[in-house]
Amino acid sequence: MLHDTHTQRVLGLARQKGLLRASDLDAIDAPRVVLTRLTAAGLLERTGRGLYRLPDAQGSEHESLVTVAVKVPQAVFCLLTALQFHELTTQLPRQVWIAMPRGSHAPRIDYPPIRMVQVSGEAGMAGVEAFERDGVTLRVYGVAKTVADCFKHRQKIGLDVALEALKDARAQGKASVDDIWRYAEICRVANVVRPYLESIQ
């Protein structure tokens, strides 16, 4: 039988956190082998390498983002993933788009599939917002920054996606013209964005 106090502590932590990392056990002085035993006993389920949750835990719609944020805390969700998060696209991205500092290696994650863009300087740091989901902090570029990014990376995602994002952000009042313009300048795409911004004013 499992050591009862360890079992209770680990299950309690899983209830509290939603998604449990193997390293979280260090804080409660429980050996990591408890995770293996609890999984074998059906009291926990493994959702990815080193990630566990209670079997009856309802994964939210942001479950894949939570999984990435737990494994790669420095990642910022961007482009199509940020558009989906802010409810600015009808498309369901097949991959989770993340921005990482230039020179970073793509994180090794079994699931979900990741698409990484490298960022540097002010364009990489600007417009990052933090949201709490399932007890985990998600770092996501804000709406205006995401719209500017879509124009910057239009070769990767398509100009049509950038235009849809711009129109929806304005129509839904989620970003002001001034904000979009400011981030367009930071991302060095002001000249690209200008005619589209003028046409929808």
Protein backbone atom coordinates (compact mmCIF):
# COMPACT_ATOMS: atom_id res chain seq x y z
CA MET A 1 0.00 0.00 0.00
CA LEU A 2 1.18 3.51 -0.69
CA HIS A 3 2.47 5.55 2.17
CA ASP A 4 -0.80 7.19 3.17
CA THR A 5 0.46 10.65 4.06
CA HIS A 6 2.33 10.91 0.75
CA THR A 7 -0.75 9.71 -1.15
CA GLN A 8 -3.01 12.22 0.56
CA ARG A 9 -0.54 15.06 0.10
CA VAL A 10 0.00 14.35 -3.59
CA LEU A 11 -3.71 13.95 -4.33
CA GLY A 12 -4.45 17.11 -2.34
CA LEU A 13 -1.84 19.01 -4.36
CA ALA A 14 -3.30 17.66 -7.61
CA ARG A 15 -6.76 18.88 -6.54
CA GLN A 16 -5.35 22.28 -5.66
CA LYS A 17 -3.16 22.80 -8.75
CA GLY A 18 -5.16 21.00 -11.44
CA LEU A 19 -2.03 20.02 -13.35
CA LEU A 20 0.77 18.49 -11.32
CA ARG A 21 4.45 18.50 -12.30
CA ALA A 22 6.82 15.88 -10.97
CA SER A 23 8.94 18.73 -9.55
CA ASP A 24 5.93 19.98 -7.50
CA LEU A 25 6.44 16.99 -5.18
CA ASP A 26 9.68 18.50 -3.85
CA ALA A 27 7.65 21.18 -2.01
CA ILE A 28 5.73 18.54 -0.03
CA ASP A 29 8.67 16.17 0.48
CA ALA A 30 7.02 13.32 -1.40
CA PRO A 31 9.13 10.92 -3.47
CA ARG A 32 8.40 10.98 -7.20
CA VAL A 33 7.78 7.23 -7.23
CA VAL A 34 4.40 8.08 -5.62
CA LEU A 35 3.31 9.51 -9.00
CA THR A 36 4.06 6.20 -10.72
CA ARG A 37 2.18 4.23 -8.09
CA LEU A 38 -0.83 6.56 -8.09
CA THR A 39 -0.96 6.40 -11.89
CA ALA A 40 -0.80 2.60 -11.81
CA ALA A 41 -3.59 2.56 -9.22
CA GLY A 42 -5.75 4.79 -11.46
CA LEU A 43 -5.78 7.66 -8.94
CA LEU A 44 -3.81 9.96 -11.24
CA GLU A 45 -3.47 10.10 -15.00
CA ARG A 46 -0.39 11.12 -16.93
CA THR A 47 -1.16 13.85 -19.46
CA GLY A 48 2.38 14.32 -20.76
CA ARG A 49 5.98 13.81 -19.82
CA GLY A 50 6.18 14.68 -16.12
CA LEU A 51 2.60 16.02 -16.01
CA TYR A 52 -0.26 14.46 -14.05
CA ARG A 53 -3.84 15.27 -13.06
CA LEU A 54 -6.79 13.64 -11.33
CA PRO A 55 -8.66 11.31 -13.71
CA ASP A 56 -11.98 13.13 -13.22
CA ALA A 57 -10.43 16.58 -13.66
CA GLN A 58 -12.26 18.50 -16.33
CA GLY A 59 -9.70 19.90 -18.70
CA SER A 60 -10.66 23.41 -19.75
CA GLU A 61 -10.64 24.68 -23.32
CA HIS A 62 -7.19 26.06 -22.51
CA GLU A 63 -5.77 22.71 -21.46
CA SER A 64 -3.16 22.56 -24.23
CA LEU A 65 -1.99 26.11 -23.38
CA VAL A 66 -1.81 25.22 -19.69
CA THR A 67 0.29 22.15 -20.55
CA VAL A 68 2.74 24.29 -22.56
CA ALA A 69 2.86 27.05 -19.89
CA VAL A 70 3.71 24.52 -17.17
CA LYS A 71 6.55 23.01 -19.23
CA VAL A 72 7.83 26.23 -20.82
CA PRO A 73 6.98 29.08 -18.39
CA GLN A 74 8.96 31.66 -20.43
CA ALA A 75 6.89 31.04 -23.59
CA VAL A 76 4.48 33.74 -24.75
CA PHE A 77 1.46 32.59 -26.73
CA CYS A 78 1.31 34.46 -30.01
CA LEU A 79 -0.16 34.71 -33.51
CA LEU A 80 -2.94 32.18 -34.23
CA THR A 81 -2.97 30.88 -30.65
CA ALA A 82 -3.25 34.42 -29.24
CA LEU A 83 -6.01 35.21 -31.77
CA GLN A 84 -7.94 32.14 -30.65
CA PHE A 85 -7.38 33.01 -26.98
CA HIS A 86 -8.75 36.53 -27.54
CA GLU A 87 -11.63 35.08 -29.63
CA LEU A 88 -10.52 36.94 -32.75
CA THR A 89 -10.45 34.10 -35.25
CA THR A 90 -12.73 31.42 -36.54
CA GLN A 91 -9.71 29.23 -37.28
CA LEU A 92 -8.60 26.47 -34.93
CA PRO A 93 -4.80 26.39 -35.09
CA ARG A 94 -3.38 22.88 -35.49
CA GLN A 95 -0.36 23.90 -33.41
CA VAL A 96 0.21 26.04 -30.37
CA TRP A 97 2.13 29.15 -31.45
CA ILE A 98 4.67 30.43 -28.95
CA ALA A 99 7.26 33.21 -28.98
CA MET A 100 10.63 32.54 -27.36
CA PRO A 101 13.75 34.69 -26.98
CA ARG A 102 16.07 34.59 -30.00
CA GLY A 103 18.54 31.73 -29.74
CA SER A 104 16.12 29.49 -27.79
CA HIS A 105 15.77 25.86 -28.75
CA ALA A 106 12.29 24.65 -29.58
CA PRO A 107 10.89 22.99 -26.44
CA ARG A 108 10.62 19.22 -26.56
CA ILE A 109 6.99 18.48 -25.85
CA ASP A 110 5.13 15.34 -26.91
CA TYR A 111 1.79 17.08 -27.01
CA PRO A 112 0.44 19.55 -28.08
CA PRO A 113 2.38 20.27 -31.30
CA ILE A 114 4.34 23.53 -31.01
CA ARG A 115 5.20 26.20 -33.57
CA MET A 116 7.86 28.57 -32.30
CA VAL A 117 8.84 32.05 -33.49
CA GLN A 118 11.96 33.74 -32.13
CA VAL A 119 11.70 37.28 -30.81
CA SER A 120 14.16 39.83 -29.51
CA GLY A 121 14.32 43.31 -28.03
CA GLU A 122 11.30 45.50 -27.44
CA ALA A 123 9.18 43.64 -30.02
CA GLY A 124 9.59 40.47 -27.97
CA MET A 125 8.87 42.02 -24.58
CA ALA A 126 6.10 44.47 -25.47
CA GLY A 127 2.44 43.67 -25.01
CA VAL A 128 2.78 40.55 -22.86
CA GLU A 129 -0.28 40.02 -20.66
CA ALA A 130 -0.77 37.41 -17.93
CA PHE A 131 -3.95 35.36 -17.50
CA GLU A 132 -4.74 32.76 -14.86
CA ARG A 133 -6.27 29.52 -16.21
CA ASP A 134 -6.60 26.25 -14.28
CA GLY A 135 -4.25 27.61 -11.61
CA VAL A 136 -1.49 28.30 -14.15
CA THR A 137 -0.29 31.68 -15.46
CA LEU A 138 -0.53 31.96 -19.24
CA ARG A 139 1.59 34.67 -20.89
CA VAL A 140 -0.22 35.88 -24.00
CA TYR A 141 0.41 38.87 -26.28
CA GLY A 142 -2.44 41.38 -25.99
CA VAL A 143 -4.85 42.03 -28.84
CA ALA A 144 -3.13 45.08 -30.38
CA LYS A 145 0.31 43.43 -30.23
CA THR A 146 -1.09 40.22 -31.74
CA VAL A 147 -2.62 42.13 -34.65
CA ALA A 148 0.74 43.82 -35.33
CA ASP A 149 2.51 40.43 -35.05
CA CYS A 150 0.11 38.93 -37.60
CA PHE A 151 1.19 41.55 -40.14
CA LYS A 152 4.85 41.01 -39.22
CA HIS A 153 4.53 37.24 -39.75
CA ARG A 154 2.06 37.42 -42.67
CA GLN A 155 4.32 35.14 -44.73
CA LYS A 156 3.84 32.40 -42.14
CA ILE A 157 0.12 32.76 -41.41
CA GLY A 158 -1.28 34.61 -44.44
CA LEU A 159 -2.27 38.24 -45.00
CA ASP A 160 -5.95 37.24 -44.93
CA VAL A 161 -5.56 36.13 -41.28
CA ALA A 162 -3.89 39.44 -40.37
CA LEU A 163 -6.69 41.43 -42.05
CA GLU A 164 -9.40 39.38 -40.33
CA ALA A 165 -7.67 39.95 -36.98
CA LEU A 166 -7.43 43.70 -37.59
CA LYS A 167 -11.10 44.01 -38.62
CA ASP A 168 -12.38 41.86 -35.76
CA ALA A 169 -10.24 43.62 -33.14
CA ARG A 170 -11.65 46.99 -34.24
CA ALA A 171 -15.25 45.78 -34.75
CA GLN A 172 -15.33 44.17 -31.30
CA GLY A 173 -13.66 47.16 -29.67
CA LYS A 174 -10.83 45.00 -28.33
CA ALA A 175 -8.02 47.30 -29.51
CA SER A 176 -7.86 50.98 -30.34
CA VAL A 177 -6.36 52.32 -33.57
CA ASP A 178 -3.69 54.08 -31.46
CA ASP A 179 -2.70 50.84 -29.72
CA ILE A 180 -2.50 48.89 -32.97
CA TRP A 181 -0.44 51.69 -34.51
CA ARG A 182 1.93 51.79 -31.51
CA TYR A 183 2.63 48.05 -31.72
CA ALA A 184 2.90 48.23 -35.52
CA GLU A 185 5.74 50.74 -35.00
CA ILE A 186 7.39 48.56 -32.34
CA CYS A 187 7.17 45.55 -34.69
CA ARG A 188 8.39 47.67 -37.62
CA VAL A 189 5.34 47.02 -39.80
CA ALA A 190 3.76 50.48 -39.60
CA ASN A 191 4.01 51.02 -43.37
CA VAL A 192 2.39 47.66 -44.05
CA VAL A 193 -0.44 48.24 -41.58
CA ARG A 194 -1.15 51.90 -42.41
CA PRO A 195 -3.36 51.47 -45.53
CA TYR A 196 -5.46 48.74 -43.90
CA LEU A 197 -5.85 50.72 -40.70
CA GLU A 198 -6.93 53.80 -42.67
CA SER A 199 -9.44 51.81 -44.72
CA ILE A 200 -11.38 50.59 -41.67
CA GLN A 201 -11.44 53.82 -39.66
